[in-house]
Amino acid sequence: MFVLTNFLLATATVLQLVLTFYIWIVIARALISWVNPDPYNPIVRFLYNATEPLLYRVRRLVPFFAGGIDFSPLIVLLVIYFLQFFLVQSLRDLAFAIR
């Protein structure tokens, strides 16, 4: 059983790291949107390509309000925080319960 416990703990840790990394990517994308970035810059293209598929889906579900302010990055961040507190912690609790 220790192998399953270690696997679940490792999965929870990697998932936590991936979600944290994606939080920073979404924040960088939101900050870059306040200025006029060069669309041919590789960093700008990476940020756009990494976040746009998810942000586009959220934008389709949530309309613009308050003068055209885009709330999709905020909603994505809230979902990521929910996943960190619910899914990652549930995996860790399950691993410790199996132990």
N, C-alpha and C. Protein backbone atom coordinates (compact mmCIF):
# COMPACT_ATOMS: atom_id res chain seq x y z
N MET A 1 0.80 -1.19 0.00
CA MET A 1 0.00 0.00 0.00
C MET A 1 0.85 1.26 0.00
N PHE A 2 2.10 1.16 0.46
CA PHE A 2 2.93 2.36 0.50
C PHE A 2 3.22 2.89 -0.89
N VAL A 3 3.19 2.01 -1.90
CA VAL A 3 3.42 2.47 -3.27
C VAL A 3 2.26 3.35 -3.74
N LEU A 4 1.04 2.94 -3.45
CA LEU A 4 -0.13 3.74 -3.81
C LEU A 4 -0.14 5.06 -3.04
N THR A 5 0.23 5.02 -1.78
CA THR A 5 0.31 6.24 -0.98
C THR A 5 1.33 7.21 -1.56
N ASN A 6 2.51 6.70 -1.88
CA ASN A 6 3.54 7.57 -2.47
C ASN A 6 3.11 8.09 -3.83
N PHE A 7 2.43 7.27 -4.61
CA PHE A 7 1.96 7.71 -5.92
C PHE A 7 0.95 8.84 -5.78
N LEU A 8 0.00 8.69 -4.86
CA LEU A 8 -1.00 9.74 -4.65
C LEU A 8 -0.37 11.03 -4.12
N LEU A 9 0.59 10.91 -3.22
CA LEU A 9 1.27 12.09 -2.72
C LEU A 9 2.08 12.78 -3.81
N ALA A 10 2.75 12.00 -4.64
CA ALA A 10 3.51 12.58 -5.74
C ALA A 10 2.58 13.24 -6.76
N THR A 11 1.46 12.61 -7.05
CA THR A 11 0.49 13.19 -7.97
C THR A 11 -0.06 14.50 -7.44
N ALA A 12 -0.36 14.54 -6.15
CA ALA A 12 -0.86 15.76 -5.53
C ALA A 12 0.19 16.87 -5.57
N THR A 13 1.42 16.53 -5.34
CA THR A 13 2.49 17.52 -5.35
C THR A 13 2.73 18.07 -6.76
N VAL A 14 2.76 17.19 -7.73
CA VAL A 14 2.96 17.64 -9.12
C VAL A 14 1.77 18.48 -9.58
N LEU A 15 0.58 18.07 -9.24
CA LEU A 15 -0.60 18.84 -9.60
C LEU A 15 -0.58 20.22 -8.94
N GLN A 16 -0.15 20.28 -7.70
CA GLN A 16 -0.02 21.56 -7.01
C GLN A 16 0.98 22.47 -7.73
N LEU A 17 2.11 21.93 -8.15
CA LEU A 17 3.12 22.72 -8.85
C LEU A 17 2.62 23.20 -10.21
N VAL A 18 1.94 22.34 -10.94
CA VAL A 18 1.42 22.72 -12.26
C VAL A 18 0.36 23.82 -12.12
N LEU A 19 -0.52 23.67 -11.16
CA LEU A 19 -1.55 24.68 -10.95
C LEU A 19 -0.95 26.02 -10.51
N THR A 20 0.06 25.99 -9.67
CA THR A 20 0.73 27.22 -9.24
C THR A 20 1.43 27.89 -10.42
N PHE A 21 2.09 27.10 -11.24
CA PHE A 21 2.75 27.63 -12.43
C PHE A 21 1.73 28.27 -13.37
N TYR A 22 0.58 27.64 -13.54
CA TYR A 22 -0.44 28.18 -14.42
C TYR A 22 -1.06 29.46 -13.84
N ILE A 23 -1.14 29.55 -12.52
CA ILE A 23 -1.60 30.80 -11.90
C ILE A 23 -0.70 31.95 -12.31
N TRP A 24 0.60 31.73 -12.25
CA TRP A 24 1.53 32.80 -12.61
C TRP A 24 1.46 33.14 -14.09
N ILE A 25 1.19 32.15 -14.93
CA ILE A 25 1.03 32.42 -16.37
C ILE A 25 -0.21 33.28 -16.61
N VAL A 26 -1.31 32.97 -15.94
CA VAL A 26 -2.53 33.75 -16.11
C VAL A 26 -2.33 35.18 -15.59
N ILE A 27 -1.65 35.32 -14.47
CA ILE A 27 -1.39 36.66 -13.93
C ILE A 27 -0.51 37.45 -14.89
N ALA A 28 0.52 36.83 -15.44
CA ALA A 28 1.38 37.52 -16.40
C ALA A 28 0.60 37.92 -17.64
N ARG A 29 -0.29 37.06 -18.09
CA ARG A 29 -1.12 37.38 -19.26
C ARG A 29 -2.03 38.57 -18.97
N ALA A 30 -2.60 38.61 -17.79
CA ALA A 30 -3.47 39.73 -17.42
C ALA A 30 -2.67 41.03 -17.33
N LEU A 31 -1.48 40.97 -16.76
CA LEU A 31 -0.65 42.16 -16.66
C LEU A 31 -0.20 42.66 -18.02
N ILE A 32 0.14 41.74 -18.90
CA ILE A 32 0.60 42.12 -20.23
C ILE A 32 -0.55 42.73 -21.04
N SER A 33 -1.77 42.35 -20.74
CA SER A 33 -2.90 42.89 -21.51
C SER A 33 -3.14 44.37 -21.21
N TRP A 34 -2.55 44.89 -20.14
CA TRP A 34 -2.72 46.31 -19.81
C TRP A 34 -1.86 47.21 -20.67
N VAL A 35 -0.83 46.68 -21.28
CA VAL A 35 0.04 47.46 -22.16
C VAL A 35 -0.15 46.97 -23.58
N ASN A 36 0.51 47.61 -24.50
CA ASN A 36 0.43 47.20 -25.89
C ASN A 36 1.65 46.34 -26.21
N PRO A 37 1.57 45.01 -25.98
CA PRO A 37 2.75 44.16 -26.18
C PRO A 37 2.99 43.89 -27.67
N ASP A 38 4.22 43.58 -27.96
CA ASP A 38 4.59 43.18 -29.32
C ASP A 38 4.05 41.77 -29.56
N PRO A 39 3.12 41.60 -30.51
CA PRO A 39 2.53 40.27 -30.70
C PRO A 39 3.51 39.23 -31.26
N TYR A 40 4.66 39.67 -31.73
CA TYR A 40 5.65 38.73 -32.27
C TYR A 40 6.71 38.35 -31.25
N ASN A 41 6.64 38.91 -30.05
CA ASN A 41 7.56 38.55 -28.99
C ASN A 41 7.27 37.11 -28.56
N PRO A 42 8.30 36.27 -28.46
CA PRO A 42 8.06 34.86 -28.09
C PRO A 42 7.41 34.69 -26.73
N ILE A 43 7.73 35.55 -25.77
CA ILE A 43 7.13 35.44 -24.44
C ILE A 43 5.64 35.77 -24.51
N VAL A 44 5.30 36.82 -25.24
CA VAL A 44 3.90 37.20 -25.39
C VAL A 44 3.13 36.10 -26.11
N ARG A 45 3.73 35.53 -27.13
CA ARG A 45 3.06 34.44 -27.86
C ARG A 45 2.87 33.22 -26.98
N PHE A 46 3.88 32.90 -26.15
CA PHE A 46 3.74 31.77 -25.23
C PHE A 46 2.60 32.02 -24.24
N LEU A 47 2.57 33.22 -23.65
CA LEU A 47 1.51 33.52 -22.69
C LEU A 47 0.14 33.45 -23.35
N TYR A 48 0.04 33.96 -24.57
CA TYR A 48 -1.23 33.92 -25.29
C TYR A 48 -1.63 32.48 -25.60
N ASN A 49 -0.70 31.70 -26.13
CA ASN A 49 -1.02 30.31 -26.51
C ASN A 49 -1.31 29.43 -25.30
N ALA A 50 -0.70 29.73 -24.16
CA ALA A 50 -0.91 28.90 -22.97
C ALA A 50 -2.23 29.21 -22.27
N THR A 51 -2.72 30.45 -22.42
CA THR A 51 -3.91 30.82 -21.66
C THR A 51 -5.17 30.99 -22.51
N GLU A 52 -5.02 31.29 -23.78
CA GLU A 52 -6.18 31.64 -24.59
C GLU A 52 -7.21 30.51 -24.73
N PRO A 53 -6.83 29.25 -24.88
CA PRO A 53 -7.87 28.21 -24.99
C PRO A 53 -8.80 28.18 -23.78
N LEU A 54 -8.26 28.31 -22.59
CA LEU A 54 -9.10 28.29 -21.39
C LEU A 54 -9.86 29.60 -21.21
N LEU A 55 -9.17 30.72 -21.43
CA LEU A 55 -9.84 32.01 -21.27
C LEU A 55 -10.95 32.19 -22.30
N TYR A 56 -10.76 31.66 -23.50
CA TYR A 56 -11.80 31.76 -24.53
C TYR A 56 -13.06 31.03 -24.10
N ARG A 57 -12.89 29.84 -23.52
CA ARG A 57 -14.07 29.07 -23.07
C ARG A 57 -14.81 29.81 -21.96
N VAL A 58 -14.06 30.43 -21.06
CA VAL A 58 -14.70 31.18 -19.97
C VAL A 58 -15.40 32.42 -20.54
N ARG A 59 -14.78 33.10 -21.49
CA ARG A 59 -15.40 34.29 -22.09
C ARG A 59 -16.69 33.96 -22.80
N ARG A 60 -16.78 32.77 -23.38
CA ARG A 60 -18.03 32.37 -24.04
C ARG A 60 -19.15 32.20 -23.03
N LEU A 61 -18.81 31.76 -21.81
CA LEU A 61 -19.83 31.52 -20.79
C LEU A 61 -20.20 32.78 -20.02
N VAL A 62 -19.23 33.67 -19.81
CA VAL A 62 -19.46 34.86 -18.99
C VAL A 62 -19.38 36.09 -19.90
N PRO A 63 -20.45 36.85 -20.00
CA PRO A 63 -20.41 38.05 -20.85
C PRO A 63 -19.61 39.17 -20.18
N PHE A 64 -19.24 40.16 -20.98
CA PHE A 64 -18.55 41.34 -20.45
C PHE A 64 -19.54 42.21 -19.69
N PHE A 65 -19.18 42.65 -18.51
CA PHE A 65 -19.95 43.69 -17.85
C PHE A 65 -18.99 44.77 -17.38
N ALA A 66 -19.56 45.82 -16.82
CA ALA A 66 -18.81 46.95 -16.24
C ALA A 66 -17.89 47.59 -17.25
N GLY A 67 -18.45 47.95 -18.39
CA GLY A 67 -17.67 48.70 -19.36
C GLY A 67 -16.67 47.87 -20.14
N GLY A 68 -16.92 46.60 -20.33
CA GLY A 68 -16.04 45.77 -21.15
C GLY A 68 -14.84 45.20 -20.42
N ILE A 69 -14.88 45.16 -19.10
CA ILE A 69 -13.78 44.57 -18.34
C ILE A 69 -13.86 43.06 -18.48
N ASP A 70 -12.72 42.45 -18.78
CA ASP A 70 -12.65 41.01 -18.96
C ASP A 70 -12.39 40.34 -17.61
N PHE A 71 -13.39 39.62 -17.12
CA PHE A 71 -13.28 38.93 -15.84
C PHE A 71 -12.82 37.49 -15.99
N SER A 72 -12.54 37.04 -17.21
CA SER A 72 -12.18 35.64 -17.41
C SER A 72 -10.89 35.24 -16.69
N PRO A 73 -9.84 36.07 -16.63
CA PRO A 73 -8.67 35.65 -15.84
C PRO A 73 -8.99 35.48 -14.36
N LEU A 74 -9.82 36.34 -13.82
CA LEU A 74 -10.21 36.22 -12.42
C LEU A 74 -10.98 34.92 -12.17
N ILE A 75 -11.88 34.59 -13.07
CA ILE A 75 -12.66 33.37 -12.93
C ILE A 75 -11.76 32.14 -13.03
N VAL A 76 -10.81 32.17 -13.97
CA VAL A 76 -9.87 31.06 -14.11
C VAL A 76 -9.02 30.92 -12.85
N LEU A 77 -8.57 32.03 -12.29
CA LEU A 77 -7.79 31.97 -11.05
C LEU A 77 -8.61 31.39 -9.90
N LEU A 78 -9.88 31.76 -9.80
CA LEU A 78 -10.74 31.21 -8.75
C LEU A 78 -10.92 29.70 -8.92
N VAL A 79 -11.08 29.25 -10.15
CA VAL A 79 -11.22 27.81 -10.40
C VAL A 79 -9.93 27.07 -10.05
N ILE A 80 -8.80 27.67 -10.38
CA ILE A 80 -7.52 27.03 -10.05
C ILE A 80 -7.34 26.95 -8.53
N TYR A 81 -7.67 28.03 -7.82
CA TYR A 81 -7.57 27.98 -6.36
C TYR A 81 -8.52 26.94 -5.77
N PHE A 82 -9.71 26.82 -6.34
CA PHE A 82 -10.63 25.79 -5.89
C PHE A 82 -10.02 24.40 -6.09
N LEU A 83 -9.42 24.17 -7.26
CA LEU A 83 -8.79 22.88 -7.52
C LEU A 83 -7.64 22.61 -6.56
N GLN A 84 -6.89 23.66 -6.24
CA GLN A 84 -5.78 23.47 -5.31
C GLN A 84 -6.28 23.10 -3.92
N PHE A 85 -7.31 23.76 -3.46
CA PHE A 85 -7.79 23.49 -2.11
C PHE A 85 -8.64 22.23 -2.03
N PHE A 86 -9.35 21.89 -3.08
CA PHE A 86 -10.23 20.72 -3.04
C PHE A 86 -9.53 19.47 -3.56
N LEU A 87 -9.10 19.50 -4.81
CA LEU A 87 -8.58 18.29 -5.44
C LEU A 87 -7.23 17.87 -4.86
N VAL A 88 -6.31 18.80 -4.75
CA VAL A 88 -4.98 18.46 -4.24
C VAL A 88 -5.07 18.00 -2.79
N GLN A 89 -5.82 18.72 -1.98
CA GLN A 89 -5.95 18.33 -0.58
C GLN A 89 -6.69 17.00 -0.44
N SER A 90 -7.66 16.74 -1.31
CA SER A 90 -8.37 15.45 -1.26
C SER A 90 -7.43 14.30 -1.61
N LEU A 91 -6.56 14.51 -2.59
CA LEU A 91 -5.58 13.47 -2.93
C LEU A 91 -4.63 13.21 -1.77
N ARG A 92 -4.20 14.27 -1.11
CA ARG A 92 -3.30 14.09 0.04
C ARG A 92 -4.02 13.38 1.19
N ASP A 93 -5.24 13.78 1.46
CA ASP A 93 -6.00 13.13 2.54
C ASP A 93 -6.25 11.64 2.24
N LEU A 94 -6.55 11.36 0.97
CA LEU A 94 -6.74 9.96 0.57
C LEU A 94 -5.46 9.16 0.75
N ALA A 95 -4.34 9.76 0.40
CA ALA A 95 -3.06 9.05 0.56
C ALA A 95 -2.78 8.76 2.02
N PHE A 96 -3.05 9.74 2.90
CA PHE A 96 -2.80 9.50 4.32
C PHE A 96 -3.81 8.53 4.93
N ALA A 97 -5.02 8.48 4.37
CA ALA A 97 -6.02 7.52 4.87
C ALA A 97 -5.66 6.09 4.48
N ILE A 98 -5.03 5.93 3.34
CA ILE A 98 -4.64 4.59 2.89
C ILE A 98 -3.47 4.07 3.72
N ARG A 99 -2.62 4.96 4.14
CA ARG A 99 -1.41 4.60 4.88
C ARG A 99 -1.76 3.77 6.05
